[in-house]
Amino acid sequence: MGCSRIDTKTLEFYDGNARSYVGARPEEMSSDLLAFLPRLKPGASILELGCGSGIDAAEMERRGFKVTPTDGSPSMAAIASEKLGRKVDVLRFEDLNAEGRYDAVVACASLLHVPVQGLPQVLQRIWTSLKPGGWHFASFKTEGQAAHDEHGRYYNYLGRGEAANAYQSAGDWQMMHFENYDGIGHFSAPARWLAVTARKGG
């Protein structure tokens, strides 16, 4: 399989523009993640990949979940640490190495930076890190060609078919659900999105 790393230019953008990126995001939880949370039991343990400013982690904790927020960018992790009042670890997707530890793994607008050919590797790591019956949520920009945007960030623009193939090759999922919707990016540009909800078998 291909490389599962986010490309260098994308990481350079987040490390060099963390403050302005955070300032461009609404101070509220992602609505698609909010709709996912009722699937989880009270007090569920959640690993967050790509926590950004820590807004979603803070709200999930307020709702009683045990959250482990992480980000691949040291600058973003530092900002999230300030918001949450504790150290947020820097974790790249390819370094995730847990087994049966979490009730859920969420990745809002973060896996969309992984090259399509490397995505199954990341999803397999996510599948492995989940407890039997654990839940996974991710959101991707969709309906476009893989490319770098005007800010230098790489997007895989995952389609439903590509998503289904990547998830099916990554592990035994008891359930997979794909939903498209219209939204915006963090710089207020209109975007088409794909939300993926999956549950590990067991």
C-alpha atoms as a PDB file:
ATOM      1  CA  MET A   1       0.000   0.000   0.000  1.00  0.00           C
ATOM      2  CA  GLY A   2       1.004   3.621  -0.415  1.00  0.00           C
ATOM      3  CA  CYS A   3       2.289   6.060   2.167  1.00  0.00           C
ATOM      4  CA  SER A   4      -0.136   6.959   4.963  1.00  0.00           C
ATOM      5  CA  ARG A   5       1.575  10.215   5.897  1.00  0.00           C
ATOM      6  CA  ILE A   6       0.086  13.678   5.472  1.00  0.00           C
ATOM      7  CA  ASP A   7       2.309  15.435   2.949  1.00  0.00           C
ATOM      8  CA  THR A   8       4.944  17.921   4.080  1.00  0.00           C
ATOM      9  CA  LYS A   9       3.316  21.040   2.619  1.00  0.00           C
ATOM     10  CA  THR A  10       0.089  20.364   4.476  1.00  0.00           C
ATOM     11  CA  LEU A  11       1.855  20.021   7.826  1.00  0.00           C
ATOM     12  CA  GLU A  12       3.897  23.145   7.098  1.00  0.00           C
ATOM     13  CA  PHE A  13       0.673  25.079   6.542  1.00  0.00           C
ATOM     14  CA  TYR A  14      -0.813  24.070   9.894  1.00  0.00           C
ATOM     15  CA  ASP A  15       2.426  24.614  11.802  1.00  0.00           C
ATOM     16  CA  GLY A  16       2.992  28.031  10.226  1.00  0.00           C
ATOM     17  CA  ASN A  17      -0.597  29.297  10.276  1.00  0.00           C
ATOM     18  CA  ALA A  18      -2.116  27.692  13.358  1.00  0.00           C
ATOM     19  CA  ARG A  19      -3.326  30.925  14.970  1.00  0.00           C
ATOM     20  CA  SER A  20      -4.961  32.341  11.849  1.00  0.00           C
ATOM     21  CA  TYR A  21      -6.509  28.952  11.043  1.00  0.00           C
ATOM     22  CA  VAL A  22      -8.053  28.698  14.501  1.00  0.00           C
ATOM     23  CA  GLY A  23      -9.284  32.287  14.247  1.00  0.00           C
ATOM     24  CA  ALA A  24     -11.145  31.456  11.039  1.00  0.00           C
ATOM     25  CA  ARG A  25     -13.115  28.606  12.615  1.00  0.00           C
ATOM     26  CA  PRO A  26     -16.480  29.130  14.382  1.00  0.00           C
ATOM     27  CA  GLU A  27     -16.322  28.631  18.147  1.00  0.00           C
ATOM     28  CA  GLU A  28     -18.740  25.717  18.123  1.00  0.00           C
ATOM     29  CA  MET A  29     -18.672  21.952  17.802  1.00  0.00           C
ATOM     30  CA  SER A  30     -18.839  20.371  14.345  1.00  0.00           C
ATOM     31  CA  SER A  31     -22.526  19.679  13.693  1.00  0.00           C
ATOM     32  CA  ASP A  32     -21.843  16.314  12.036  1.00  0.00           C
ATOM     33  CA  LEU A  33     -19.813  15.169  15.044  1.00  0.00           C
ATOM     34  CA  LEU A  34     -22.568  16.375  17.354  1.00  0.00           C
ATOM     35  CA  ALA A  35     -25.044  14.166  15.490  1.00  0.00           C
ATOM     36  CA  PHE A  36     -22.712  11.167  15.907  1.00  0.00           C
ATOM     37  CA  LEU A  37     -22.225  11.369  19.680  1.00  0.00           C
ATOM     38  CA  PRO A  38     -25.625   9.911  20.746  1.00  0.00           C
ATOM     39  CA  ARG A  39     -24.384   6.534  19.434  1.00  0.00           C
ATOM     40  CA  LEU A  40     -21.887   6.405  22.307  1.00  0.00           C
ATOM     41  CA  LYS A  41     -22.529   5.330  25.882  1.00  0.00           C
ATOM     42  CA  PRO A  42     -22.084   7.886  28.681  1.00  0.00           C
ATOM     43  CA  GLY A  43     -18.449   8.146  29.712  1.00  0.00           C
ATOM     44  CA  ALA A  44     -17.171   6.485  26.533  1.00  0.00           C
ATOM     45  CA  SER A  45     -13.444   6.804  25.798  1.00  0.00           C
ATOM     46  CA  ILE A  46     -12.799   8.768  22.594  1.00  0.00           C
ATOM     47  CA  LEU A  47      -9.573   9.200  20.644  1.00  0.00           C
ATOM     48  CA  GLU A  48      -9.666  12.357  18.537  1.00  0.00           C
ATOM     49  CA  LEU A  49      -7.328  12.508  15.529  1.00  0.00           C
ATOM     50  CA  GLY A  50      -6.693  16.054  14.319  1.00  0.00           C
ATOM     51  CA  CYS A  51      -8.210  17.935  17.254  1.00  0.00           C
ATOM     52  CA  GLY A  52      -7.261  21.369  15.903  1.00  0.00           C
ATOM     53  CA  SER A  53      -7.985  24.107  18.434  1.00  0.00           C
ATOM     54  CA  GLY A  54      -9.581  21.684  20.902  1.00  0.00           C
ATOM     55  CA  ILE A  55     -13.126  23.020  20.482  1.00  0.00           C
ATOM     56  CA  ASP A  56     -14.672  19.617  19.804  1.00  0.00           C
ATOM     57  CA  ALA A  57     -12.660  17.931  22.560  1.00  0.00           C
ATOM     58  CA  ALA A  58     -13.787  20.535  25.089  1.00  0.00           C
ATOM     59  CA  GLU A  59     -17.436  20.055  24.168  1.00  0.00           C
ATOM     60  CA  MET A  60     -17.188  16.261  24.212  1.00  0.00           C
ATOM     61  CA  GLU A  61     -15.648  16.437  27.668  1.00  0.00           C
ATOM     62  CA  ARG A  62     -18.401  18.787  28.808  1.00  0.00           C
ATOM     63  CA  ARG A  63     -20.856  16.090  27.746  1.00  0.00           C
ATOM     64  CA  GLY A  64     -19.122  13.558  29.991  1.00  0.00           C
ATOM     65  CA  PHE A  65     -16.911  11.666  27.528  1.00  0.00           C
ATOM     66  CA  LYS A  66     -13.293  10.725  28.268  1.00  0.00           C
ATOM     67  CA  VAL A  67     -11.385  12.328  25.397  1.00  0.00           C
ATOM     68  CA  THR A  68      -7.804  11.823  24.242  1.00  0.00           C
ATOM     69  CA  PRO A  69      -7.234  14.727  21.823  1.00  0.00           C
ATOM     70  CA  THR A  70      -4.261  14.567  19.430  1.00  0.00           C
ATOM     71  CA  ASP A  71      -3.003  16.477  16.420  1.00  0.00           C
ATOM     72  CA  GLY A  72      -0.280  15.896  13.850  1.00  0.00           C
ATOM     73  CA  SER A  73       0.867  19.520  14.025  1.00  0.00           C
ATOM     74  CA  PRO A  74       2.896  20.612  17.083  1.00  0.00           C
ATOM     75  CA  SER A  75       1.568  24.178  16.711  1.00  0.00           C
ATOM     76  CA  MET A  76      -2.053  23.023  16.675  1.00  0.00           C
ATOM     77  CA  ALA A  77      -1.459  20.670  19.608  1.00  0.00           C
ATOM     78  CA  ALA A  78      -0.001  23.604  21.573  1.00  0.00           C
ATOM     79  CA  ILE A  79      -3.113  25.714  20.946  1.00  0.00           C
ATOM     80  CA  ALA A  80      -5.380  22.840  21.977  1.00  0.00           C
ATOM     81  CA  SER A  81      -3.282  22.388  25.119  1.00  0.00           C
ATOM     82  CA  GLU A  82      -3.939  26.033  26.033  1.00  0.00           C
ATOM     83  CA  LYS A  83      -7.677  25.642  25.541  1.00  0.00           C
ATOM     84  CA  LEU A  84      -8.004  22.354  27.411  1.00  0.00           C
ATOM     85  CA  GLY A  85      -5.570  23.190  30.195  1.00  0.00           C
ATOM     86  CA  ARG A  86      -3.495  20.058  29.762  1.00  0.00           C
ATOM     87  CA  LYS A  87      -0.912  18.637  27.371  1.00  0.00           C
ATOM     88  CA  VAL A  88      -2.245  17.498  24.017  1.00  0.00           C
ATOM     89  CA  ASP A  89       0.001  14.951  22.333  1.00  0.00           C
ATOM     90  CA  VAL A  90       1.355  15.270  18.812  1.00  0.00           C
ATOM     91  CA  LEU A  91       0.306  12.112  16.970  1.00  0.00           C
ATOM     92  CA  ARG A  92       0.693  11.417  13.266  1.00  0.00           C
ATOM     93  CA  PHE A  93      -1.702   8.897  11.762  1.00  0.00           C
ATOM     94  CA  GLU A  94       1.089   6.480  10.900  1.00  0.00           C
ATOM     95  CA  ASP A  95       2.205   6.480  14.552  1.00  0.00           C
ATOM     96  CA  LEU A  96      -1.136   5.383  16.008  1.00  0.00           C
ATOM     97  CA  ASN A  97      -0.333   2.151  17.808  1.00  0.00           C
ATOM     98  CA  ALA A  98      -3.102   1.080  20.156  1.00  0.00           C
ATOM     99  CA  GLU A  99      -5.056  -2.162  20.428  1.00  0.00           C
ATOM    100  CA  GLY A 100      -8.645  -2.410  21.652  1.00  0.00           C
ATOM    101  CA  ARG A 101      -8.294   0.738  23.743  1.00  0.00           C
ATOM    102  CA  TYR A 102     -11.063   3.129  22.676  1.00  0.00           C
ATOM    103  CA  ASP A 103     -14.855   3.111  22.486  1.00  0.00           C
ATOM    104  CA  ALA A 104     -14.667   5.561  19.590  1.00  0.00           C
ATOM    105  CA  VAL A 105     -12.191   7.232  17.255  1.00  0.00           C
ATOM    106  CA  VAL A 106     -13.257  10.514  15.647  1.00  0.00           C
ATOM    107  CA  ALA A 107     -11.479  12.350  12.855  1.00  0.00           C
ATOM    108  CA  CYS A 108     -13.272  15.511  11.760  1.00  0.00           C
ATOM    109  CA  ALA A 109     -11.713  16.970   8.603  1.00  0.00           C
ATOM    110  CA  SER A 110      -8.324  15.355   9.226  1.00  0.00           C
ATOM    111  CA  LEU A 111      -8.160  12.047   7.314  1.00  0.00           C
ATOM    112  CA  LEU A 112      -9.003  14.071   4.204  1.00  0.00           C
ATOM    113  CA  HIS A 113      -5.309  15.006   4.058  1.00  0.00           C
ATOM    114  CA  VAL A 114      -4.144  11.373   3.677  1.00  0.00           C
ATOM    115  CA  PRO A 115      -3.361  10.168   0.123  1.00  0.00           C
ATOM    116  CA  VAL A 116      -6.076   7.752  -1.048  1.00  0.00           C
ATOM    117  CA  GLN A 117      -3.611   4.899  -1.558  1.00  0.00           C
ATOM    118  CA  GLY A 118      -2.400   5.207   2.041  1.00  0.00           C
ATOM    119  CA  LEU A 119      -5.801   5.570   3.679  1.00  0.00           C
ATOM    120  CA  PRO A 120      -6.402   1.822   4.263  1.00  0.00           C
ATOM    121  CA  GLN A 121      -3.245   1.711   6.418  1.00  0.00           C
ATOM    122  CA  VAL A 122      -4.569   4.489   8.629  1.00  0.00           C
ATOM    123  CA  LEU A 123      -8.050   2.982   8.831  1.00  0.00           C
ATOM    124  CA  GLN A 124      -6.571  -0.367   9.811  1.00  0.00           C
ATOM    125  CA  ARG A 125      -4.763   1.344  12.697  1.00  0.00           C
ATOM    126  CA  ILE A 126      -8.028   3.003  13.719  1.00  0.00           C
ATOM    127  CA  TRP A 127      -9.896  -0.320  13.507  1.00  0.00           C
ATOM    128  CA  THR A 128      -7.235  -2.004  15.653  1.00  0.00           C
ATOM    129  CA  SER A 129      -7.364   0.740  18.287  1.00  0.00           C
ATOM    130  CA  LEU A 130     -11.122   0.294  18.783  1.00  0.00           C
ATOM    131  CA  LYS A 131     -12.698  -2.032  21.297  1.00  0.00           C
ATOM    132  CA  PRO A 132     -15.021  -4.693  19.819  1.00  0.00           C
ATOM    133  CA  GLY A 133     -18.223  -2.880  18.879  1.00  0.00           C
ATOM    134  CA  GLY A 134     -16.406   0.479  18.953  1.00  0.00           C
ATOM    135  CA  TRP A 135     -17.479   3.398  16.773  1.00  0.00           C
ATOM    136  CA  HIS A 136     -15.623   5.525  14.238  1.00  0.00           C
ATOM    137  CA  PHE A 137     -16.570   8.853  12.659  1.00  0.00           C
ATOM    138  CA  ALA A 138     -14.738  10.824   9.972  1.00  0.00           C
ATOM    139  CA  SER A 139     -15.548  13.669   7.597  1.00  0.00           C
ATOM    140  CA  PHE A 140     -14.005  14.317   4.187  1.00  0.00           C
ATOM    141  CA  LYS A 141     -14.320  16.968   1.500  1.00  0.00           C
ATOM    142  CA  THR A 142     -15.636  15.183  -1.575  1.00  0.00           C
ATOM    143  CA  GLU A 143     -16.610  15.514  -5.249  1.00  0.00           C
ATOM    144  CA  GLY A 144     -13.273  16.794  -6.512  1.00  0.00           C
ATOM    145  CA  GLN A 145      -9.886  15.665  -7.748  1.00  0.00           C
ATOM    146  CA  ALA A 146      -7.086  15.036  -5.262  1.00  0.00           C
ATOM    147  CA  ALA A 147      -4.956  18.179  -5.181  1.00  0.00           C
ATOM    148  CA  HIS A 148      -3.416  20.930  -3.076  1.00  0.00           C
ATOM    149  CA  ASP A 149      -5.602  23.963  -2.389  1.00  0.00           C
ATOM    150  CA  GLU A 150      -4.608  27.632  -2.562  1.00  0.00           C
ATOM    151  CA  HIS A 151      -3.128  27.384   0.939  1.00  0.00           C
ATOM    152  CA  GLY A 152      -0.887  24.444   0.018  1.00  0.00           C
ATOM    153  CA  ARG A 153      -2.949  21.772   1.809  1.00  0.00           C
ATOM    154  CA  TYR A 154      -3.422  18.381   0.141  1.00  0.00           C
ATOM    155  CA  TYR A 155      -6.967  16.954  -0.041  1.00  0.00           C
ATOM    156  CA  ASN A 156      -7.872  13.453  -1.198  1.00  0.00           C
ATOM    157  CA  TYR A 157     -11.484  14.448  -2.082  1.00  0.00           C
ATOM    158  CA  LEU A 158     -12.681  10.966  -1.209  1.00  0.00           C
ATOM    159  CA  GLY A 159     -15.757   9.703  -3.058  1.00  0.00           C
ATOM    160  CA  ARG A 160     -18.242   7.192  -1.668  1.00  0.00           C
ATOM    161  CA  GLY A 161     -16.832   4.337  -3.718  1.00  0.00           C
ATOM    162  CA  GLU A 162     -13.257   5.081  -2.710  1.00  0.00           C
ATOM    163  CA  ALA A 163     -14.340   5.399   0.918  1.00  0.00           C
ATOM    164  CA  ALA A 164     -16.168   2.070   0.855  1.00  0.00           C
ATOM    165  CA  ASN A 165     -13.156   0.323  -0.674  1.00  0.00           C
ATOM    166  CA  ALA A 166     -10.738   1.847   1.834  1.00  0.00           C
ATOM    167  CA  TYR A 167     -12.874   0.949   4.845  1.00  0.00           C
ATOM    168  CA  GLN A 168     -13.697  -2.563   3.642  1.00  0.00           C
ATOM    169  CA  SER A 169     -10.009  -3.341   3.168  1.00  0.00           C
ATOM    170  CA  ALA A 170      -9.092  -2.055   6.638  1.00  0.00           C
ATOM    171  CA  GLY A 171     -11.017  -4.391   8.933  1.00  0.00           C
ATOM    172  CA  ASP A 172     -14.232  -6.175   9.852  1.00  0.00           C
ATOM    173  CA  TRP A 173     -16.816  -3.418  10.182  1.00  0.00           C
ATOM    174  CA  GLN A 174     -20.213  -4.455  11.498  1.00  0.00           C
ATOM    175  CA  MET A 175     -21.751  -1.345   9.942  1.00  0.00           C
ATOM    176  CA  MET A 176     -20.688   1.430   7.542  1.00  0.00           C
ATOM    177  CA  HIS A 177     -22.787   4.477   6.648  1.00  0.00           C
ATOM    178  CA  PHE A 178     -21.919   7.223   4.152  1.00  0.00           C
ATOM    179  CA  GLU A 179     -23.737  10.549   3.907  1.00  0.00           C
ATOM    180  CA  ASN A 180     -23.125  13.584   1.695  1.00  0.00           C
ATOM    181  CA  TYR A 181     -24.008  17.117   2.711  1.00  0.00           C
ATOM    182  CA  ASP A 182     -23.266  20.741   1.830  1.00  0.00           C
ATOM    183  CA  GLY A 183     -21.160  22.832   4.190  1.00  0.00           C
ATOM    184  CA  ILE A 184     -18.197  25.173   4.325  1.00  0.00           C
ATOM    185  CA  GLY A 185     -14.474  24.910   4.910  1.00  0.00           C
ATOM    186  CA  HIS A 186     -12.693  26.709   7.726  1.00  0.00           C
ATOM    187  CA  PHE A 187     -12.125  29.738   5.491  1.00  0.00           C
ATOM    188  CA  SER A 188     -15.873  29.950   4.717  1.00  0.00           C
ATOM    189  CA  ALA A 189     -15.625  28.565   1.180  1.00  0.00           C
ATOM    190  CA  PRO A 190     -18.607  26.357   0.169  1.00  0.00           C
ATOM    191  CA  ALA A 191     -17.723  22.664   0.166  1.00  0.00           C
ATOM    192  CA  ARG A 192     -19.360  19.305  -0.411  1.00  0.00           C
ATOM    193  CA  TRP A 193     -18.694  16.824   2.408  1.00  0.00           C
ATOM    194  CA  LEU A 194     -18.815  13.091   3.010  1.00  0.00           C
ATOM    195  CA  ALA A 195     -19.489  11.848   6.556  1.00  0.00           C
ATOM    196  CA  VAL A 196     -18.511   8.264   7.383  1.00  0.00           C
ATOM    197  CA  THR A 197     -19.861   6.373  10.382  1.00  0.00           C
ATOM    198  CA  ALA A 198     -18.622   2.834  11.004  1.00  0.00           C
ATOM    199  CA  ARG A 199     -18.793   0.268  13.799  1.00  0.00           C
ATOM    200  CA  LYS A 200     -16.219  -2.406  14.480  1.00  0.00           C
ATOM    201  CA  GLY A 201     -17.500  -5.961  14.578  1.00  0.00           C
ATOM    202  CA  GLY A 202     -17.490  -7.887  17.817  1.00  0.00           C
END
